[in-house]
Amino acid sequence: MLALGALGWVLGDGPRAERFLALTGLSPDDLRERLADPALQAAVLDFLCAHEPDLLAAADSLGVEAADLAAARETLIR
């Protein structure tokens, strides 16, 4: 659920959403089709972990610690 909340946060800002789509090569259709896919969820958290300002802002918005997002990423990639 944390990764899906993070995805919502990423997509909530047009330029950030465009950057996410450009960097991942995903399309809006891909997102809709693969919401439950752990690889997609890990990609969202990878995106955030790669840019600390976004990671911190997302964590604040979601009411969690940045470390929680990073830990969720590690769980998904195992």
N, C-alpha and C. Protein backbone atom coordinates (compact mmCIF):
# COMPACT_ATOMS: atom_id res chain seq x y z
N MET A 1 0.81 -1.19 0.00
CA MET A 1 0.00 0.00 0.00
C MET A 1 0.86 1.27 0.00
N LEU A 2 2.00 1.18 0.65
CA LEU A 2 2.88 2.34 0.71
C LEU A 2 3.36 2.75 -0.68
N ALA A 3 3.71 1.76 -1.50
CA ALA A 3 4.17 2.06 -2.86
C ALA A 3 3.05 2.67 -3.69
N LEU A 4 1.83 2.22 -3.49
CA LEU A 4 0.70 2.80 -4.25
C LEU A 4 0.44 4.23 -3.80
N GLY A 5 0.57 4.50 -2.51
CA GLY A 5 0.45 5.87 -2.03
C GLY A 5 1.55 6.75 -2.62
N ALA A 6 2.75 6.18 -2.72
CA ALA A 6 3.86 6.92 -3.31
C ALA A 6 3.60 7.19 -4.79
N LEU A 7 3.02 6.22 -5.48
CA LEU A 7 2.69 6.43 -6.89
C LEU A 7 1.68 7.56 -7.03
N GLY A 8 0.68 7.57 -6.19
CA GLY A 8 -0.30 8.66 -6.21
C GLY A 8 0.37 10.01 -5.99
N TRP A 9 1.33 10.05 -5.07
CA TRP A 9 2.04 11.29 -4.81
C TRP A 9 2.85 11.71 -6.04
N VAL A 10 3.55 10.76 -6.64
CA VAL A 10 4.35 11.05 -7.84
C VAL A 10 3.47 11.60 -8.94
N LEU A 11 2.34 10.97 -9.16
CA LEU A 11 1.46 11.36 -10.26
C LEU A 11 0.66 12.63 -9.97
N GLY A 12 0.68 13.06 -8.73
CA GLY A 12 -0.07 14.26 -8.33
C GLY A 12 0.54 15.56 -8.81
N ASP A 13 1.73 15.50 -9.36
CA ASP A 13 2.41 16.70 -9.86
C ASP A 13 2.80 16.44 -11.32
N GLY A 14 2.28 17.25 -12.23
CA GLY A 14 2.50 17.03 -13.66
C GLY A 14 3.95 16.87 -14.07
N PRO A 15 4.82 17.82 -13.76
CA PRO A 15 6.22 17.67 -14.17
C PRO A 15 6.90 16.44 -13.56
N ARG A 16 6.59 16.16 -12.30
CA ARG A 16 7.19 14.99 -11.65
C ARG A 16 6.66 13.71 -12.30
N ALA A 17 5.37 13.67 -12.60
CA ALA A 17 4.78 12.51 -13.26
C ALA A 17 5.41 12.30 -14.64
N GLU A 18 5.61 13.37 -15.37
CA GLU A 18 6.24 13.27 -16.69
C GLU A 18 7.66 12.75 -16.58
N ARG A 19 8.39 13.23 -15.57
CA ARG A 19 9.77 12.76 -15.34
C ARG A 19 9.77 11.28 -15.01
N PHE A 20 8.83 10.84 -14.15
CA PHE A 20 8.73 9.43 -13.80
C PHE A 20 8.46 8.57 -15.04
N LEU A 21 7.50 8.99 -15.83
CA LEU A 21 7.17 8.22 -17.04
C LEU A 21 8.35 8.18 -18.01
N ALA A 22 9.02 9.31 -18.16
CA ALA A 22 10.16 9.37 -19.08
C ALA A 22 11.31 8.49 -18.60
N LEU A 23 11.60 8.54 -17.32
CA LEU A 23 12.72 7.75 -16.79
C LEU A 23 12.44 6.26 -16.75
N THR A 24 11.20 5.89 -16.53
CA THR A 24 10.87 4.47 -16.43
C THR A 24 10.46 3.86 -17.77
N GLY A 25 10.09 4.71 -18.72
CA GLY A 25 9.62 4.21 -20.00
C GLY A 25 8.20 3.66 -19.94
N LEU A 26 7.53 3.89 -18.83
CA LEU A 26 6.15 3.41 -18.67
C LEU A 26 5.18 4.39 -19.30
N SER A 27 4.03 3.88 -19.67
CA SER A 27 2.95 4.73 -20.18
C SER A 27 1.83 4.74 -19.14
N PRO A 28 0.90 5.68 -19.25
CA PRO A 28 -0.25 5.65 -18.34
C PRO A 28 -1.00 4.31 -18.40
N ASP A 29 -1.10 3.72 -19.57
CA ASP A 29 -1.76 2.41 -19.69
C ASP A 29 -0.99 1.34 -18.92
N ASP A 30 0.35 1.39 -19.01
CA ASP A 30 1.17 0.44 -18.25
C ASP A 30 0.88 0.56 -16.76
N LEU A 31 0.78 1.78 -16.29
CA LEU A 31 0.52 1.99 -14.86
C LEU A 31 -0.80 1.37 -14.45
N ARG A 32 -1.83 1.62 -15.23
CA ARG A 32 -3.16 1.07 -14.90
C ARG A 32 -3.15 -0.45 -14.89
N GLU A 33 -2.48 -1.04 -15.86
CA GLU A 33 -2.46 -2.49 -16.01
C GLU A 33 -1.60 -3.19 -14.95
N ARG A 34 -0.60 -2.49 -14.44
CA ARG A 34 0.39 -3.15 -13.58
C ARG A 34 0.40 -2.65 -12.14
N LEU A 35 -0.65 -2.02 -11.68
CA LEU A 35 -0.67 -1.47 -10.33
C LEU A 35 -0.29 -2.49 -9.26
N ALA A 36 -0.71 -3.72 -9.42
CA ALA A 36 -0.44 -4.75 -8.42
C ALA A 36 0.92 -5.42 -8.60
N ASP A 37 1.64 -5.08 -9.65
CA ASP A 37 2.93 -5.69 -9.96
C ASP A 37 4.01 -5.16 -9.02
N PRO A 38 4.64 -6.05 -8.24
CA PRO A 38 5.71 -5.58 -7.34
C PRO A 38 6.85 -4.87 -8.07
N ALA A 39 7.13 -5.25 -9.31
CA ALA A 39 8.20 -4.59 -10.07
C ALA A 39 7.84 -3.13 -10.35
N LEU A 40 6.58 -2.87 -10.66
CA LEU A 40 6.15 -1.49 -10.88
C LEU A 40 6.22 -0.70 -9.57
N GLN A 41 5.76 -1.31 -8.50
CA GLN A 41 5.80 -0.64 -7.20
C GLN A 41 7.24 -0.34 -6.79
N ALA A 42 8.14 -1.28 -7.04
CA ALA A 42 9.55 -1.04 -6.74
C ALA A 42 10.11 0.08 -7.61
N ALA A 43 9.67 0.17 -8.86
CA ALA A 43 10.13 1.24 -9.75
C ALA A 43 9.72 2.61 -9.21
N VAL A 44 8.54 2.70 -8.64
CA VAL A 44 8.09 3.96 -8.04
C VAL A 44 9.01 4.34 -6.88
N LEU A 45 9.29 3.38 -6.03
CA LEU A 45 10.14 3.66 -4.88
C LEU A 45 11.58 3.90 -5.29
N ASP A 46 12.06 3.22 -6.34
CA ASP A 46 13.39 3.50 -6.89
C ASP A 46 13.47 4.96 -7.35
N PHE A 47 12.43 5.39 -8.05
CA PHE A 47 12.36 6.76 -8.55
C PHE A 47 12.51 7.75 -7.40
N LEU A 48 11.79 7.50 -6.32
CA LEU A 48 11.86 8.41 -5.17
C LEU A 48 13.22 8.33 -4.48
N CYS A 49 13.73 7.12 -4.30
CA CYS A 49 15.01 6.96 -3.61
C CYS A 49 16.17 7.58 -4.39
N ALA A 50 16.02 7.72 -5.68
CA ALA A 50 17.08 8.29 -6.52
C ALA A 50 17.14 9.81 -6.46
N HIS A 51 16.12 10.43 -5.85
CA HIS A 51 16.08 11.90 -5.79
C HIS A 51 15.62 12.29 -4.38
N GLU A 52 16.58 12.56 -3.52
CA GLU A 52 16.28 12.77 -2.10
C GLU A 52 15.21 13.83 -1.83
N PRO A 53 15.20 14.97 -2.54
CA PRO A 53 14.13 15.94 -2.26
C PRO A 53 12.73 15.34 -2.47
N ASP A 54 12.56 14.55 -3.53
CA ASP A 54 11.26 13.89 -3.74
C ASP A 54 10.99 12.85 -2.67
N LEU A 55 12.01 12.10 -2.31
CA LEU A 55 11.85 11.08 -1.27
C LEU A 55 11.36 11.71 0.03
N LEU A 56 12.01 12.79 0.44
CA LEU A 56 11.63 13.45 1.69
C LEU A 56 10.25 14.07 1.60
N ALA A 57 9.94 14.68 0.48
CA ALA A 57 8.62 15.30 0.32
C ALA A 57 7.52 14.24 0.28
N ALA A 58 7.76 13.14 -0.40
CA ALA A 58 6.76 12.06 -0.45
C ALA A 58 6.54 11.48 0.94
N ALA A 59 7.63 11.22 1.65
CA ALA A 59 7.51 10.68 3.00
C ALA A 59 6.69 11.61 3.89
N ASP A 60 6.98 12.89 3.81
CA ASP A 60 6.24 13.87 4.60
C ASP A 60 4.76 13.86 4.24
N SER A 61 4.48 13.86 2.96
CA SER A 61 3.09 13.86 2.49
C SER A 61 2.35 12.60 2.91
N LEU A 62 3.04 11.47 2.90
CA LEU A 62 2.41 10.19 3.25
C LEU A 62 2.41 9.92 4.75
N GLY A 63 3.09 10.78 5.52
CA GLY A 63 3.13 10.62 6.97
C GLY A 63 3.98 9.46 7.43
N VAL A 64 5.06 9.19 6.68
CA VAL A 64 5.99 8.12 7.04
C VAL A 64 7.41 8.67 7.01
N GLU A 65 8.32 7.86 7.47
CA GLU A 65 9.74 8.23 7.40
C GLU A 65 10.28 7.86 6.02
N ALA A 66 11.25 8.61 5.55
CA ALA A 66 11.89 8.29 4.27
C ALA A 66 12.47 6.87 4.32
N ALA A 67 12.97 6.47 5.47
CA ALA A 67 13.52 5.12 5.61
C ALA A 67 12.45 4.05 5.39
N ASP A 68 11.20 4.36 5.72
CA ASP A 68 10.12 3.41 5.48
C ASP A 68 9.91 3.17 3.99
N LEU A 69 10.02 4.22 3.20
CA LEU A 69 9.89 4.07 1.75
C LEU A 69 11.05 3.25 1.19
N ALA A 70 12.25 3.53 1.68
CA ALA A 70 13.42 2.78 1.23
C ALA A 70 13.31 1.31 1.64
N ALA A 71 12.82 1.06 2.85
CA ALA A 71 12.66 -0.33 3.31
C ALA A 71 11.60 -1.06 2.49
N ALA A 72 10.54 -0.37 2.14
CA ALA A 72 9.50 -0.98 1.30
C ALA A 72 10.08 -1.36 -0.06
N ARG A 73 10.94 -0.52 -0.59
CA ARG A 73 11.60 -0.81 -1.86
C ARG A 73 12.42 -2.09 -1.74
N GLU A 74 13.19 -2.20 -0.67
CA GLU A 74 14.01 -3.39 -0.47
C GLU A 74 13.15 -4.65 -0.37
N THR A 75 12.03 -4.54 0.29
CA THR A 75 11.11 -5.68 0.42
C THR A 75 10.58 -6.11 -0.94
N LEU A 76 10.26 -5.14 -1.78
CA LEU A 76 9.68 -5.45 -3.09
C LEU A 76 10.69 -6.07 -4.06
N ILE A 77 11.96 -5.72 -3.94
CA ILE A 77 12.93 -6.21 -4.91
C ILE A 77 13.49 -7.58 -4.52
N ARG A 78 13.14 -8.09 -3.37
CA ARG A 78 13.63 -9.42 -2.96
C ARG A 78 12.88 -10.50 -3.63
